[in-house]
Amino acid sequence: MDLRLPHALFEKANRFPESSYGATTVTLILADGRRIENVVLGGADYIVKVDGRHVTEATELGFAVGDIVDVRPQRRPWRWLRLLVGLLLVAVCVLLWNVIEPWW
């Protein structure tokens, strides 16, 4: 069986931002209403991973590729949290440097 998305969904997924080199992380919406999150597409059309598991055959999916009715970009709410933590870390380092540096 084929692990490729239908052409219309490929066109949609192709507009999503990449999550890694040539890979796009998406949520698949199935005909029965189920949402399959953390799906990695290679080249925006080929299912490579589902929830961290490498997929090589359609039988490993747990659903039929023909049941996919929509594809949505994966939300990553922690991305802003990582940025905030990084900025706070820089601010603490600058503050500590300004406190310690005069003692040298």
C-alpha atoms as a PDB file:
ATOM      1  CA  MET A   1       0.000   0.000   0.000  1.00  0.00           C
ATOM      2  CA  ASP A   2       1.023   3.552  -0.643  1.00  0.00           C
ATOM      3  CA  LEU A   3       1.914   6.007   2.121  1.00  0.00           C
ATOM      4  CA  ARG A   4       1.357   9.074  -0.043  1.00  0.00           C
ATOM      5  CA  LEU A   5      -1.298  11.662   0.755  1.00  0.00           C
ATOM      6  CA  PRO A   6      -3.981  12.355  -1.848  1.00  0.00           C
ATOM      7  CA  HIS A   7      -2.889  15.101  -4.259  1.00  0.00           C
ATOM      8  CA  ALA A   8      -5.285  17.768  -2.885  1.00  0.00           C
ATOM      9  CA  LEU A   9      -3.959  17.232   0.647  1.00  0.00           C
ATOM     10  CA  PHE A  10      -0.373  17.272  -0.629  1.00  0.00           C
ATOM     11  CA  GLU A  11      -1.037  20.706  -2.147  1.00  0.00           C
ATOM     12  CA  LYS A  12      -2.317  21.924   1.230  1.00  0.00           C
ATOM     13  CA  ALA A  13       0.503  20.343   3.282  1.00  0.00           C
ATOM     14  CA  ASN A  14       3.087  21.708   0.887  1.00  0.00           C
ATOM     15  CA  ARG A  15       2.208  25.246   2.078  1.00  0.00           C
ATOM     16  CA  PHE A  16       2.925  24.410   5.749  1.00  0.00           C
ATOM     17  CA  PRO A  17       6.283  25.362   7.286  1.00  0.00           C
ATOM     18  CA  GLU A  18       8.918  22.651   7.576  1.00  0.00           C
ATOM     19  CA  SER A  19       9.622  21.281  11.038  1.00  0.00           C
ATOM     20  CA  SER A  20      12.980  19.874   9.957  1.00  0.00           C
ATOM     21  CA  TYR A  21      15.002  19.397   6.778  1.00  0.00           C
ATOM     22  CA  GLY A  22      12.337  18.553   4.178  1.00  0.00           C
ATOM     23  CA  ALA A  23       9.935  17.259   6.834  1.00  0.00           C
ATOM     24  CA  THR A  24       6.610  18.719   7.903  1.00  0.00           C
ATOM     25  CA  THR A  25       4.838  17.770  11.142  1.00  0.00           C
ATOM     26  CA  VAL A  26       1.059  17.682  10.769  1.00  0.00           C
ATOM     27  CA  THR A  27      -2.200  16.489  12.267  1.00  0.00           C
ATOM     28  CA  LEU A  28      -4.280  14.200  10.067  1.00  0.00           C
ATOM     29  CA  ILE A  29      -8.070  14.329  10.239  1.00  0.00           C
ATOM     30  CA  LEU A  30      -9.777  11.032   9.391  1.00  0.00           C
ATOM     31  CA  ALA A  31     -13.256  10.461   7.970  1.00  0.00           C
ATOM     32  CA  ASP A  32     -14.492   9.067  11.317  1.00  0.00           C
ATOM     33  CA  GLY A  33     -13.390  12.281  13.108  1.00  0.00           C
ATOM     34  CA  ARG A  34     -10.217  10.930  14.684  1.00  0.00           C
ATOM     35  CA  ARG A  35      -7.210  13.242  14.841  1.00  0.00           C
ATOM     36  CA  ILE A  36      -3.800  11.654  14.350  1.00  0.00           C
ATOM     37  CA  GLU A  37      -1.213  14.080  15.734  1.00  0.00           C
ATOM     38  CA  ASN A  38       2.573  14.156  15.380  1.00  0.00           C
ATOM     39  CA  VAL A  39       2.629  12.795  11.851  1.00  0.00           C
ATOM     40  CA  VAL A  40       5.847  13.583   9.984  1.00  0.00           C
ATOM     41  CA  LEU A  41       5.562  13.967   6.227  1.00  0.00           C
ATOM     42  CA  GLY A  42       8.591  13.712   3.984  1.00  0.00           C
ATOM     43  CA  GLY A  43       8.398  16.118   1.080  1.00  0.00           C
ATOM     44  CA  ALA A  44       4.912  17.146   2.289  1.00  0.00           C
ATOM     45  CA  ASP A  45       3.310  14.073   0.737  1.00  0.00           C
ATOM     46  CA  TYR A  46       4.776  10.849   2.137  1.00  0.00           C
ATOM     47  CA  ILE A  47       4.027   9.624   5.691  1.00  0.00           C
ATOM     48  CA  VAL A  48       7.354   8.891   7.388  1.00  0.00           C
ATOM     49  CA  LYS A  49       6.535   8.817  11.130  1.00  0.00           C
ATOM     50  CA  VAL A  50       3.423   8.571  13.263  1.00  0.00           C
ATOM     51  CA  ASP A  51       3.847   9.650  16.881  1.00  0.00           C
ATOM     52  CA  GLY A  52       7.598   9.044  16.778  1.00  0.00           C
ATOM     53  CA  ARG A  53       7.406   5.595  15.124  1.00  0.00           C
ATOM     54  CA  HIS A  54       8.969   5.136  11.691  1.00  0.00           C
ATOM     55  CA  VAL A  55       6.438   3.828   9.188  1.00  0.00           C
ATOM     56  CA  THR A  56       7.472   1.785   6.167  1.00  0.00           C
ATOM     57  CA  GLU A  57       4.164   0.125   5.223  1.00  0.00           C
ATOM     58  CA  ALA A  58       0.558   1.281   5.263  1.00  0.00           C
ATOM     59  CA  THR A  59      -0.374  -1.670   7.483  1.00  0.00           C
ATOM     60  CA  GLU A  60       1.653  -0.062  10.306  1.00  0.00           C
ATOM     61  CA  LEU A  61      -0.513   3.077  10.333  1.00  0.00           C
ATOM     62  CA  GLY A  62      -3.603   1.825  12.144  1.00  0.00           C
ATOM     63  CA  PHE A  63      -5.825   3.611   9.616  1.00  0.00           C
ATOM     64  CA  ALA A  64      -6.228   3.651   5.859  1.00  0.00           C
ATOM     65  CA  VAL A  65      -4.603   6.443   3.853  1.00  0.00           C
ATOM     66  CA  GLY A  66      -7.905   6.755   1.991  1.00  0.00           C
ATOM     67  CA  ASP A  67      -9.612   7.723   5.271  1.00  0.00           C
ATOM     68  CA  ILE A  68      -7.604  10.952   5.510  1.00  0.00           C
ATOM     69  CA  VAL A  69      -9.934  13.868   4.755  1.00  0.00           C
ATOM     70  CA  ASP A  70      -7.859  16.819   5.967  1.00  0.00           C
ATOM     71  CA  VAL A  71      -4.371  17.777   7.040  1.00  0.00           C
ATOM     72  CA  ARG A  72      -3.483  20.610   9.406  1.00  0.00           C
ATOM     73  CA  PRO A  73      -0.159  22.036  10.571  1.00  0.00           C
ATOM     74  CA  GLN A  74       0.986  20.706  13.918  1.00  0.00           C
ATOM     75  CA  ARG A  75       0.721  23.327  16.613  1.00  0.00           C
ATOM     76  CA  ARG A  76       3.810  23.797  18.712  1.00  0.00           C
ATOM     77  CA  PRO A  77       2.810  25.909  21.708  1.00  0.00           C
ATOM     78  CA  TRP A  78       6.126  25.247  23.458  1.00  0.00           C
ATOM     79  CA  ARG A  79       8.063  27.074  20.715  1.00  0.00           C
ATOM     80  CA  TRP A  80       7.344  30.449  22.347  1.00  0.00           C
ATOM     81  CA  LEU A  81       8.150  29.005  25.757  1.00  0.00           C
ATOM     82  CA  ARG A  82      11.594  27.955  24.508  1.00  0.00           C
ATOM     83  CA  LEU A  83      12.184  31.467  23.189  1.00  0.00           C
ATOM     84  CA  LEU A  84      11.094  33.004  26.502  1.00  0.00           C
ATOM     85  CA  VAL A  85      13.348  30.676  28.529  1.00  0.00           C
ATOM     86  CA  GLY A  86      16.268  31.523  26.248  1.00  0.00           C
ATOM     87  CA  LEU A  87      15.717  35.250  26.683  1.00  0.00           C
ATOM     88  CA  LEU A  88      15.425  34.866  30.453  1.00  0.00           C
ATOM     89  CA  LEU A  89      18.672  32.907  30.503  1.00  0.00           C
ATOM     90  CA  VAL A  90      20.461  35.662  28.593  1.00  0.00           C
ATOM     91  CA  ALA A  91      19.029  38.302  30.949  1.00  0.00           C
ATOM     92  CA  VAL A  92      20.215  36.369  34.018  1.00  0.00           C
ATOM     93  CA  CYS A  93      23.702  35.962  32.530  1.00  0.00           C
ATOM     94  CA  VAL A  94      23.941  39.696  31.781  1.00  0.00           C
ATOM     95  CA  LEU A  95      22.707  40.554  35.270  1.00  0.00           C
ATOM     96  CA  LEU A  96      25.201  38.206  36.909  1.00  0.00           C
ATOM     97  CA  TRP A  97      28.038  39.554  34.775  1.00  0.00           C
ATOM     98  CA  ASN A  98      27.205  43.116  35.821  1.00  0.00           C
ATOM     99  CA  VAL A  99      27.179  42.072  39.489  1.00  0.00           C
ATOM    100  CA  ILE A 100      30.359  39.946  39.433  1.00  0.00           C
ATOM    101  CA  GLU A 101      32.488  41.913  36.952  1.00  0.00           C
ATOM    102  CA  PRO A 102      33.164  44.942  39.239  1.00  0.00           C
ATOM    103  CA  TRP A 103      34.689  42.614  41.870  1.00  0.00           C
ATOM    104  CA  TRP A 104      37.418  41.460  39.477  1.00  0.00           C
END
